């Protein structure tokens, strides 16, 4: 449970909330092509706040995998679009620098206890791309799958993160919207993302699978958003369907919501359903 909550928290905050102040990154879809393995989607990256001298690393965080650094040497052109900003041979220089940093310390040099493992720089973009060539993210995706990428400075002190959901599982009603985002491929863990709700209110949702249901509670932010991690499943079944619906303001008295408070329920009542379990992950 703790591991699931940590994973969901990282996924929920991926993007502007974890981006270094002053930086921004956006994924821009440019093409969709039907293939025998699903719809191949291509994205370009635009950003702001980085300096012209920054050599950036491209990070991709895929479902059921750890975040991985794919390549280095990335920069931005005059239009703010991410391009390969390295030249052929950059890998050899990086390798030489890495070897120097990894060389044995002179005799008598004190050792640092619990020193973190040395960071291995990723291959330069110039090994597979031409200088100035646009960086492209090519991917397939299932319904509810987020494509998460980041650009990180070479010293790993600044980063900008972004994501896109090419096939959303979402439903809106009268200005309120619920969306389900996969945390793992079999939807055993998902994020329920809601927008357009009353600000700073304790809200109630109901999740139903088969004949069982239970309530979910979350306090909306100042901009009316909620994000709730939800573990999915049904006793005795390896797959199924879950429906999550908005059920109004939580009327249970709390320190923040006294009994006498009579805030009316919003008129909206969005509900969204999604499959989970074996065979539920299907590339579109």
C-alpha atoms as a PDB file:
ATOM      1  CA  UNK A   1       0.000   0.000   0.000  1.00  0.00           C
ATOM      2  CA  UNK A   2       2.771   2.449   0.917  1.00  0.00           C
ATOM      3  CA  UNK A   3       4.603   1.742  -2.340  1.00  0.00           C
ATOM      4  CA  UNK A   4       1.393   2.273  -4.311  1.00  0.00           C
ATOM      5  CA  UNK A   5       0.709   5.591  -2.587  1.00  0.00           C
ATOM      6  CA  UNK A   6       4.279   6.797  -3.260  1.00  0.00           C
ATOM      7  CA  UNK A   7       3.996   5.836  -6.924  1.00  0.00           C
ATOM      8  CA  UNK A   8       0.623   7.543  -7.287  1.00  0.00           C
ATOM      9  CA  UNK A   9       1.905  10.680  -5.553  1.00  0.00           C
ATOM     10  CA  UNK A  10       4.884  10.980  -7.909  1.00  0.00           C
ATOM     11  CA  UNK A  11       2.652  10.496 -10.934  1.00  0.00           C
ATOM     12  CA  UNK A  12       0.074  12.991  -9.678  1.00  0.00           C
ATOM     13  CA  UNK A  13       2.707  15.700  -9.163  1.00  0.00           C
ATOM     14  CA  UNK A  14       4.620  15.047 -12.398  1.00  0.00           C
ATOM     15  CA  UNK A  15       4.514  18.229 -14.450  1.00  0.00           C
ATOM     16  CA  UNK A  16       4.420  21.894 -13.361  1.00  0.00           C
ATOM     17  CA  UNK A  17       4.323  20.999  -9.654  1.00  0.00           C
ATOM     18  CA  UNK A  18       7.721  19.270  -9.860  1.00  0.00           C
ATOM     19  CA  UNK A  19       9.228  21.635 -12.438  1.00  0.00           C
ATOM     20  CA  UNK A  20      11.960  24.057 -11.361  1.00  0.00           C
ATOM     21  CA  UNK A  21      10.596  27.579 -10.938  1.00  0.00           C
ATOM     22  CA  UNK A  22      11.025  29.643 -14.091  1.00  0.00           C
ATOM     23  CA  UNK A  23      11.130  26.637 -16.439  1.00  0.00           C
ATOM     24  CA  UNK A  24       8.375  25.144 -18.556  1.00  0.00           C
ATOM     25  CA  UNK A  25       7.995  22.223 -20.967  1.00  0.00           C
ATOM     26  CA  UNK A  26       5.135  21.263 -23.280  1.00  0.00           C
ATOM     27  CA  UNK A  27       4.467  18.254 -25.506  1.00  0.00           C
ATOM     28  CA  UNK A  28       2.957  19.153 -28.885  1.00  0.00           C
ATOM     29  CA  UNK A  29       1.358  16.373 -30.929  1.00  0.00           C
ATOM     30  CA  UNK A  30       2.316  16.586 -34.608  1.00  0.00           C
ATOM     31  CA  UNK A  31       1.168  13.298 -36.184  1.00  0.00           C
ATOM     32  CA  UNK A  32      -0.869  10.128 -35.611  1.00  0.00           C
ATOM     33  CA  UNK A  33      -0.221   7.148 -37.861  1.00  0.00           C
ATOM     34  CA  UNK A  34      -2.090   3.835 -37.823  1.00  0.00           C
ATOM     35  CA  UNK A  35       0.292   0.849 -37.737  1.00  0.00           C
ATOM     36  CA  UNK A  36      -0.037  -2.879 -37.164  1.00  0.00           C
ATOM     37  CA  UNK A  37       1.145  -2.300 -33.578  1.00  0.00           C
ATOM     38  CA  UNK A  38      -1.276   0.533 -32.820  1.00  0.00           C
ATOM     39  CA  UNK A  39      -1.486   4.262 -33.377  1.00  0.00           C
ATOM     40  CA  UNK A  40       2.014   5.764 -33.521  1.00  0.00           C
ATOM     41  CA  UNK A  41       1.927   9.278 -32.086  1.00  0.00           C
ATOM     42  CA  UNK A  42       4.726  11.813 -32.560  1.00  0.00           C
ATOM     43  CA  UNK A  43       5.337  14.750 -30.231  1.00  0.00           C
ATOM     44  CA  UNK A  44       7.711  17.698 -30.355  1.00  0.00           C
ATOM     45  CA  UNK A  45       8.829  19.507 -27.200  1.00  0.00           C
ATOM     46  CA  UNK A  46       8.765  23.258 -26.579  1.00  0.00           C
ATOM     47  CA  UNK A  47      10.169  24.925 -23.526  1.00  0.00           C
ATOM     48  CA  UNK A  48      11.147  28.183 -21.893  1.00  0.00           C
ATOM     49  CA  UNK A  49      13.407  29.405 -19.114  1.00  0.00           C
ATOM     50  CA  UNK A  50      16.486  27.380 -20.110  1.00  0.00           C
ATOM     51  CA  UNK A  51      19.689  29.132 -21.143  1.00  0.00           C
ATOM     52  CA  UNK A  52      21.196  28.816 -24.616  1.00  0.00           C
ATOM     53  CA  UNK A  53      24.225  27.045 -23.112  1.00  0.00           C
ATOM     54  CA  UNK A  54      22.238  24.351 -21.273  1.00  0.00           C
ATOM     55  CA  UNK A  55      22.950  20.781 -22.376  1.00  0.00           C
ATOM     56  CA  UNK A  56      19.820  18.885 -21.396  1.00  0.00           C
ATOM     57  CA  UNK A  57      19.048  15.217 -20.852  1.00  0.00           C
ATOM     58  CA  UNK A  58      15.806  13.671 -22.098  1.00  0.00           C
ATOM     59  CA  UNK A  59      13.978  11.516 -19.521  1.00  0.00           C
ATOM     60  CA  UNK A  60      11.036   9.217 -20.273  1.00  0.00           C
ATOM     61  CA  UNK A  61       8.910   7.575 -17.564  1.00  0.00           C
ATOM     62  CA  UNK A  62       6.890   4.698 -19.015  1.00  0.00           C
ATOM     63  CA  UNK A  63       4.228   2.624 -17.265  1.00  0.00           C
ATOM     64  CA  UNK A  64       5.525  -0.323 -15.222  1.00  0.00           C
ATOM     65  CA  UNK A  65       9.097   0.987 -15.523  1.00  0.00           C
ATOM     66  CA  UNK A  66      11.471   3.393 -13.826  1.00  0.00           C
ATOM     67  CA  UNK A  67      12.197   6.811 -15.284  1.00  0.00           C
ATOM     68  CA  UNK A  68      15.040   6.434 -17.796  1.00  0.00           C
ATOM     69  CA  UNK A  69      17.510   8.964 -19.184  1.00  0.00           C
ATOM     70  CA  UNK A  70      17.497   8.424 -22.958  1.00  0.00           C
ATOM     71  CA  UNK A  71      20.023  10.917 -24.335  1.00  0.00           C
ATOM     72  CA  UNK A  72      21.916  14.120 -23.594  1.00  0.00           C
ATOM     73  CA  UNK A  73      23.093  17.167 -25.502  1.00  0.00           C
ATOM     74  CA  UNK A  74      19.632  18.639 -26.109  1.00  0.00           C
ATOM     75  CA  UNK A  75      18.927  22.367 -26.400  1.00  0.00           C
ATOM     76  CA  UNK A  76      16.340  24.713 -27.925  1.00  0.00           C
ATOM     77  CA  UNK A  77      16.258  26.520 -31.244  1.00  0.00           C
ATOM     78  CA  UNK A  78      15.285  30.178 -31.618  1.00  0.00           C
ATOM     79  CA  UNK A  79      11.604  29.174 -31.686  1.00  0.00           C
ATOM     80  CA  UNK A  80      11.815  27.379 -28.347  1.00  0.00           C
ATOM     81  CA  UNK A  81      11.598  23.873 -29.845  1.00  0.00           C
ATOM     82  CA  UNK A  82      13.853  21.114 -28.453  1.00  0.00           C
ATOM     83  CA  UNK A  83      16.629  20.057 -30.852  1.00  0.00           C
ATOM     84  CA  UNK A  84      19.856  18.096 -30.747  1.00  0.00           C
ATOM     85  CA  UNK A  85      22.430  20.670 -29.654  1.00  0.00           C
ATOM     86  CA  UNK A  86      25.502  18.430 -29.662  1.00  0.00           C
ATOM     87  CA  UNK A  87      28.048  17.671 -32.353  1.00  0.00           C
ATOM     88  CA  UNK A  88      29.462  14.283 -33.437  1.00  0.00           C
ATOM     89  CA  UNK A  89      32.200  13.201 -31.046  1.00  0.00           C
ATOM     90  CA  UNK A  90      30.521  14.665 -27.987  1.00  0.00           C
ATOM     91  CA  UNK A  91      30.140  11.157 -26.563  1.00  0.00           C
ATOM     92  CA  UNK A  92      33.890  10.613 -26.655  1.00  0.00           C
ATOM     93  CA  UNK A  93      34.491  13.814 -24.694  1.00  0.00           C
ATOM     94  CA  UNK A  94      31.816  12.877 -22.157  1.00  0.00           C
ATOM     95  CA  UNK A  95      33.326   9.407 -21.809  1.00  0.00           C
ATOM     96  CA  UNK A  96      36.777  10.856 -21.220  1.00  0.00           C
ATOM     97  CA  UNK A  97      35.418  13.210 -18.571  1.00  0.00           C
ATOM     98  CA  UNK A  98      33.592  10.314 -16.947  1.00  0.00           C
ATOM     99  CA  UNK A  99      36.752   8.221 -16.892  1.00  0.00           C
ATOM    100  CA  UNK A 100      38.676  11.061 -15.273  1.00  0.00           C
ATOM    101  CA  UNK A 101      36.030  11.498 -12.585  1.00  0.00           C
ATOM    102  CA  UNK A 102      36.046   7.756 -11.964  1.00  0.00           C
ATOM    103  CA  UNK A 103      39.842   7.501 -11.697  1.00  0.00           C
ATOM    104  CA  UNK A 104      41.225   6.264  -8.336  1.00  0.00           C
ATOM    105  CA  UNK A 105      41.870   9.004  -5.813  1.00  0.00           C
ATOM    106  CA  UNK A 106      45.487   9.719  -4.859  1.00  0.00           C
ATOM    107  CA  UNK A 107      46.871   7.686  -2.001  1.00  0.00           C
ATOM    108  CA  UNK A 108      45.894   9.126   1.338  1.00  0.00           C
ATOM    109  CA  UNK A 109      42.707  10.813   0.096  1.00  0.00           C
ATOM    110  CA  UNK A 110      39.970  10.281   2.701  1.00  0.00           C
ATOM    111  CA  UNK A 111      36.962   8.294   1.536  1.00  0.00           C
ATOM    112  CA  UNK A 112      33.449   9.709   1.864  1.00  0.00           C
ATOM    113  CA  UNK A 113      31.134   7.392   3.777  1.00  0.00           C
ATOM    114  CA  UNK A 114      27.930   6.354   2.031  1.00  0.00           C
ATOM    115  CA  UNK A 115      28.890   8.242  -1.142  1.00  0.00           C
ATOM    116  CA  UNK A 116      26.212   7.958  -3.856  1.00  0.00           C
ATOM    117  CA  UNK A 117      27.082   5.892  -6.925  1.00  0.00           C
ATOM    118  CA  UNK A 118      28.712   7.797  -9.762  1.00  0.00           C
ATOM    119  CA  UNK A 119      26.292   9.109 -12.391  1.00  0.00           C
ATOM    120  CA  UNK A 120      26.890   7.738 -15.881  1.00  0.00           C
ATOM    121  CA  UNK A 121      26.070  10.357 -18.538  1.00  0.00           C
ATOM    122  CA  UNK A 122      23.637   9.174 -21.229  1.00  0.00           C
ATOM    123  CA  UNK A 123      24.686   8.902 -24.882  1.00  0.00           C
ATOM    124  CA  UNK A 124      24.713  12.150 -26.813  1.00  0.00           C
ATOM    125  CA  UNK A 125      21.823  12.873 -29.159  1.00  0.00           C
ATOM    126  CA  UNK A 126      24.505  13.362 -31.833  1.00  0.00           C
ATOM    127  CA  UNK A 127      25.067   9.593 -31.992  1.00  0.00           C
ATOM    128  CA  UNK A 128      21.700   9.162 -33.737  1.00  0.00           C
ATOM    129  CA  UNK A 129      20.691  12.710 -34.736  1.00  0.00           C
ATOM    130  CA  UNK A 130      22.086  15.600 -36.751  1.00  0.00           C
ATOM    131  CA  UNK A 131      22.860  18.930 -35.038  1.00  0.00           C
ATOM    132  CA  UNK A 132      19.708  21.051 -35.044  1.00  0.00           C
ATOM    133  CA  UNK A 133      17.402  18.088 -35.707  1.00  0.00           C
ATOM    134  CA  UNK A 134      14.096  18.251 -33.817  1.00  0.00           C
ATOM    135  CA  UNK A 135      13.691  15.957 -30.815  1.00  0.00           C
ATOM    136  CA  UNK A 136      10.735  13.640 -31.394  1.00  0.00           C
ATOM    137  CA  UNK A 137       8.865  11.457 -28.924  1.00  0.00           C
ATOM    138  CA  UNK A 138       7.337   8.545 -30.823  1.00  0.00           C
ATOM    139  CA  UNK A 139       5.020   6.275 -28.865  1.00  0.00           C
ATOM    140  CA  UNK A 140       1.899   4.167 -28.763  1.00  0.00           C
ATOM    141  CA  UNK A 141      -0.500   4.267 -25.827  1.00  0.00           C
ATOM    142  CA  UNK A 142      -3.544   2.621 -24.269  1.00  0.00           C
ATOM    143  CA  UNK A 143      -6.642   4.393 -23.033  1.00  0.00           C
ATOM    144  CA  UNK A 144      -5.866   6.399 -19.922  1.00  0.00           C
ATOM    145  CA  UNK A 145      -2.087   6.120 -20.371  1.00  0.00           C
ATOM    146  CA  UNK A 146      -0.010   9.239 -19.733  1.00  0.00           C
ATOM    147  CA  UNK A 147       3.142   9.883 -21.775  1.00  0.00           C
ATOM    148  CA  UNK A 148       5.565  11.454 -19.280  1.00  0.00           C
ATOM    149  CA  UNK A 149       8.835  13.144 -20.289  1.00  0.00           C
ATOM    150  CA  UNK A 150      11.263  15.617 -18.752  1.00  0.00           C
ATOM    151  CA  UNK A 151      14.308  17.662 -19.700  1.00  0.00           C
ATOM    152  CA  UNK A 152      17.005  17.851 -17.015  1.00  0.00           C
ATOM    153  CA  UNK A 153      20.157  19.966 -16.971  1.00  0.00           C
ATOM    154  CA  UNK A 154      23.461  18.099 -17.137  1.00  0.00           C
ATOM    155  CA  UNK A 155      24.201  18.927 -13.486  1.00  0.00           C
ATOM    156  CA  UNK A 156      20.741  17.535 -12.560  1.00  0.00           C
ATOM    157  CA  UNK A 157      19.896  20.660 -10.561  1.00  0.00           C
ATOM    158  CA  UNK A 158      17.066  21.954 -12.746  1.00  0.00           C
ATOM    159  CA  UNK A 159      14.309  20.117 -14.604  1.00  0.00           C
ATOM    160  CA  UNK A 160      11.042  20.638 -16.439  1.00  0.00           C
ATOM    161  CA  UNK A 161       8.414  17.906 -16.702  1.00  0.00           C
ATOM    162  CA  UNK A 162       5.334  17.436 -18.821  1.00  0.00           C
ATOM    163  CA  UNK A 163       2.855  14.782 -19.916  1.00  0.00           C
ATOM    164  CA  UNK A 164       0.133  14.085 -22.448  1.00  0.00           C
ATOM    165  CA  UNK A 165      -2.770  11.621 -22.510  1.00  0.00           C
ATOM    166  CA  UNK A 166      -3.536  10.785 -26.150  1.00  0.00           C
ATOM    167  CA  UNK A 167      -6.549   8.539 -25.374  1.00  0.00           C
ATOM    168  CA  UNK A 168      -8.236   9.918 -22.244  1.00  0.00           C
ATOM    169  CA  UNK A 169     -10.765   8.007 -20.148  1.00  0.00           C
ATOM    170  CA  UNK A 170     -12.874  10.981 -19.141  1.00  0.00           C
ATOM    171  CA  UNK A 171     -16.390  12.300 -18.795  1.00  0.00           C
ATOM    172  CA  UNK A 172     -17.683  15.802 -18.130  1.00  0.00           C
ATOM    173  CA  UNK A 173     -21.017  17.108 -16.898  1.00  0.00           C
ATOM    174  CA  UNK A 174     -22.071  20.729 -16.457  1.00  0.00           C
ATOM    175  CA  UNK A 175     -18.529  22.015 -16.033  1.00  0.00           C
ATOM    176  CA  UNK A 176     -17.202  19.205 -13.814  1.00  0.00           C
ATOM    177  CA  UNK A 177     -14.884  16.548 -15.239  1.00  0.00           C
ATOM    178  CA  UNK A 178     -13.541  13.189 -14.034  1.00  0.00           C
ATOM    179  CA  UNK A 179     -10.619  11.426 -15.674  1.00  0.00           C
ATOM    180  CA  UNK A 180      -8.967   8.083 -14.906  1.00  0.00           C
ATOM    181  CA  UNK A 181      -5.207   7.853 -15.490  1.00  0.00           C
ATOM    182  CA  UNK A 182      -3.404   4.507 -15.391  1.00  0.00           C
ATOM    183  CA  UNK A 183      -0.694   4.132 -12.753  1.00  0.00           C
ATOM    184  CA  UNK A 184       0.110   0.556 -13.826  1.00  0.00           C
ATOM    185  CA  UNK A 185      -0.744  -1.302 -17.016  1.00  0.00           C
ATOM    186  CA  UNK A 186      -3.439  -3.581 -15.582  1.00  0.00           C
ATOM    187  CA  UNK A 187      -5.175  -0.596 -13.910  1.00  0.00           C
ATOM    188  CA  UNK A 188      -4.710  -2.204 -10.491  1.00  0.00           C
ATOM    189  CA  UNK A 189      -3.779   1.323  -9.415  1.00  0.00           C
ATOM    190  CA  UNK A 190      -5.175   4.445 -11.079  1.00  0.00           C
ATOM    191  CA  UNK A 191      -5.409   8.169 -10.458  1.00  0.00           C
ATOM    192  CA  UNK A 192      -8.867   9.739 -10.412  1.00  0.00           C
ATOM    193  CA  UNK A 193      -8.311  13.317 -11.595  1.00  0.00           C
ATOM    194  CA  UNK A 194     -11.176  15.773 -11.252  1.00  0.00           C
ATOM    195  CA  UNK A 195     -11.511  19.426 -12.332  1.00  0.00           C
ATOM    196  CA  UNK A 196     -14.194  22.094 -12.250  1.00  0.00           C
ATOM    197  CA  UNK A 197     -15.436  21.324  -8.725  1.00  0.00           C
ATOM    198  CA  UNK A 198     -16.139  23.810  -5.904  1.00  0.00           C
ATOM    199  CA  UNK A 199     -12.894  25.181  -4.479  1.00  0.00           C
ATOM    200  CA  UNK A 200     -11.525  24.143  -1.094  1.00  0.00           C
ATOM    201  CA  UNK A 201     -14.307  21.676  -0.339  1.00  0.00           C
ATOM    202  CA  UNK A 202     -14.257  18.139   1.022  1.00  0.00           C
ATOM    203  CA  UNK A 203     -15.865  16.146  -1.789  1.00  0.00           C
ATOM    204  CA  UNK A 204     -17.264  12.637  -1.984  1.00  0.00           C
ATOM    205  CA  UNK A 205     -16.995  10.152  -4.855  1.00  0.00           C
ATOM    206  CA  UNK A 206     -18.237   6.571  -5.102  1.00  0.00           C
ATOM    207  CA  UNK A 207     -16.263   3.763  -6.764  1.00  0.00           C
ATOM    208  CA  UNK A 208     -18.290   0.692  -7.793  1.00  0.00           C
ATOM    209  CA  UNK A 209     -17.080  -2.687  -9.104  1.00  0.00           C
ATOM    210  CA  UNK A 210     -19.480  -5.594  -9.457  1.00  0.00           C
ATOM    211  CA  UNK A 211     -21.898  -5.442  -6.562  1.00  0.00           C
ATOM    212  CA  UNK A 212     -19.551  -3.623  -4.192  1.00  0.00           C
ATOM    213  CA  UNK A 213     -18.954   0.088  -3.784  1.00  0.00           C
ATOM    214  CA  UNK A 214     -17.053   2.367  -1.459  1.00  0.00           C
ATOM    215  CA  UNK A 215     -16.662   6.089  -0.920  1.00  0.00           C
ATOM    216  CA  UNK A 216     -13.641   8.206  -1.803  1.00  0.00           C
ATOM    217  CA  UNK A 217     -12.972  11.526  -0.111  1.00  0.00           C
ATOM    218  CA  UNK A 218     -10.713  14.372  -1.220  1.00  0.00           C
ATOM    219  CA  UNK A 219     -10.421  18.098  -0.587  1.00  0.00           C
ATOM    220  CA  UNK A 220     -10.455  20.187  -3.732  1.00  0.00           C
ATOM    221  CA  UNK A 221      -7.709  22.719  -4.355  1.00  0.00           C
ATOM    222  CA  UNK A 222      -8.163  26.457  -4.792  1.00  0.00           C
ATOM    223  CA  UNK A 223      -8.710  25.878  -8.503  1.00  0.00           C
ATOM    224  CA  UNK A 224     -11.300  23.124  -7.937  1.00  0.00           C
ATOM    225  CA  UNK A 225      -9.091  20.101  -8.687  1.00  0.00           C
ATOM    226  CA  UNK A 226      -8.888  16.739  -6.940  1.00  0.00           C
ATOM    227  CA  UNK A 227      -6.498  13.808  -7.480  1.00  0.00           C
ATOM    228  CA  UNK A 228      -7.251  10.518  -5.718  1.00  0.00           C
ATOM    229  CA  UNK A 229      -5.212   7.291  -5.944  1.00  0.00           C
ATOM    230  CA  UNK A 230      -7.504   4.277  -6.270  1.00  0.00           C
ATOM    231  CA  UNK A 231      -6.566   0.619  -5.873  1.00  0.00           C
ATOM    232  CA  UNK A 232      -8.783  -1.398  -8.192  1.00  0.00           C
ATOM    233  CA  UNK A 233     -10.067  -4.941  -7.945  1.00  0.00           C
ATOM    234  CA  UNK A 234     -12.900  -7.235  -6.978  1.00  0.00           C
ATOM    235  CA  UNK A 235     -12.650 -10.188  -4.636  1.00  0.00           C
ATOM    236  CA  UNK A 236     -12.413 -13.486  -6.496  1.00  0.00           C
ATOM    237  CA  UNK A 237     -12.021 -11.884  -9.939  1.00  0.00           C
ATOM    238  CA  UNK A 238      -8.982 -11.269 -12.125  1.00  0.00           C
ATOM    239  CA  UNK A 239     -10.632  -8.578 -14.253  1.00  0.00           C
ATOM    240  CA  UNK A 240     -13.665  -6.353 -14.341  1.00  0.00           C
ATOM    241  CA  UNK A 241     -15.005  -2.838 -14.707  1.00  0.00           C
ATOM    242  CA  UNK A 242     -15.049  -0.001 -12.192  1.00  0.00           C
ATOM    243  CA  UNK A 243     -17.197   3.124 -12.296  1.00  0.00           C
ATOM    244  CA  UNK A 244     -16.305   6.265 -10.364  1.00  0.00           C
ATOM    245  CA  UNK A 245     -18.927   8.970  -9.929  1.00  0.00           C
ATOM    246  CA  UNK A 246     -19.072  12.295  -8.158  1.00  0.00           C
ATOM    247  CA  UNK A 247     -21.513  12.202  -5.229  1.00  0.00           C
ATOM    248  CA  UNK A 248     -21.448  15.770  -3.930  1.00  0.00           C
ATOM    249  CA  UNK A 249     -19.964  17.632  -1.008  1.00  0.00           C
ATOM    250  CA  UNK A 250     -19.091  15.478   1.985  1.00  0.00           C
ATOM    251  CA  UNK A 251     -21.684  16.234   4.669  1.00  0.00           C
ATOM    252  CA  UNK A 252     -19.843  14.419   7.460  1.00  0.00           C
ATOM    253  CA  UNK A 253     -18.913  17.053  10.081  1.00  0.00           C
ATOM    254  CA  UNK A 254     -15.186  17.709  10.449  1.00  0.00           C
ATOM    255  CA  UNK A 255     -13.123  20.450  12.077  1.00  0.00           C
ATOM    256  CA  UNK A 256     -13.163  22.240   8.719  1.00  0.00           C
ATOM    257  CA  UNK A 257     -16.789  21.445   7.799  1.00  0.00           C
ATOM    258  CA  UNK A 258     -19.133  22.011  10.761  1.00  0.00           C
ATOM    259  CA  UNK A 259     -22.623  20.511  10.831  1.00  0.00           C
ATOM    260  CA  UNK A 260     -24.380  23.796  10.295  1.00  0.00           C
ATOM    261  CA  UNK A 261     -22.599  24.506   6.998  1.00  0.00           C
ATOM    262  CA  UNK A 262     -25.132  24.353   4.181  1.00  0.00           C
ATOM    263  CA  UNK A 263     -23.111  24.724   1.010  1.00  0.00           C
ATOM    264  CA  UNK A 264     -25.278  23.348  -1.803  1.00  0.00           C
ATOM    265  CA  UNK A 265     -24.101  20.438  -3.918  1.00  0.00           C
ATOM    266  CA  UNK A 266     -22.955  21.437  -7.399  1.00  0.00           C
ATOM    267  CA  UNK A 267     -25.393  20.489 -10.132  1.00  0.00           C
ATOM    268  CA  UNK A 268     -22.846  18.377 -12.010  1.00  0.00           C
ATOM    269  CA  UNK A 269     -22.655  14.589 -11.653  1.00  0.00           C
ATOM    270  CA  UNK A 270     -19.883  13.201 -13.887  1.00  0.00           C
ATOM    271  CA  UNK A 271     -19.148   9.451 -13.895  1.00  0.00           C
ATOM    272  CA  UNK A 272     -16.399   7.539 -15.659  1.00  0.00           C
ATOM    273  CA  UNK A 273     -15.851   3.776 -16.168  1.00  0.00           C
ATOM    274  CA  UNK A 274     -12.702   1.819 -16.986  1.00  0.00           C
ATOM    275  CA  UNK A 275     -11.619  -1.833 -17.347  1.00  0.00           C
ATOM    276  CA  UNK A 276      -9.001  -3.402 -15.078  1.00  0.00           C
ATOM    277  CA  UNK A 277      -7.159  -6.683 -14.636  1.00  0.00           C
ATOM    278  CA  UNK A 278      -5.953  -9.265 -17.127  1.00  0.00           C
ATOM    279  CA  UNK A 279      -6.223  -8.131 -20.736  1.00  0.00           C
ATOM    280  CA  UNK A 280      -7.367  -4.615 -19.868  1.00  0.00           C
ATOM    281  CA  UNK A 281      -4.270  -2.871 -21.252  1.00  0.00           C
ATOM    282  CA  UNK A 282      -4.816  -2.475 -24.991  1.00  0.00           C
ATOM    283  CA  UNK A 283      -2.779  -0.231 -27.240  1.00  0.00           C
ATOM    284  CA  UNK A 284      -5.102   1.923 -29.351  1.00  0.00           C
END
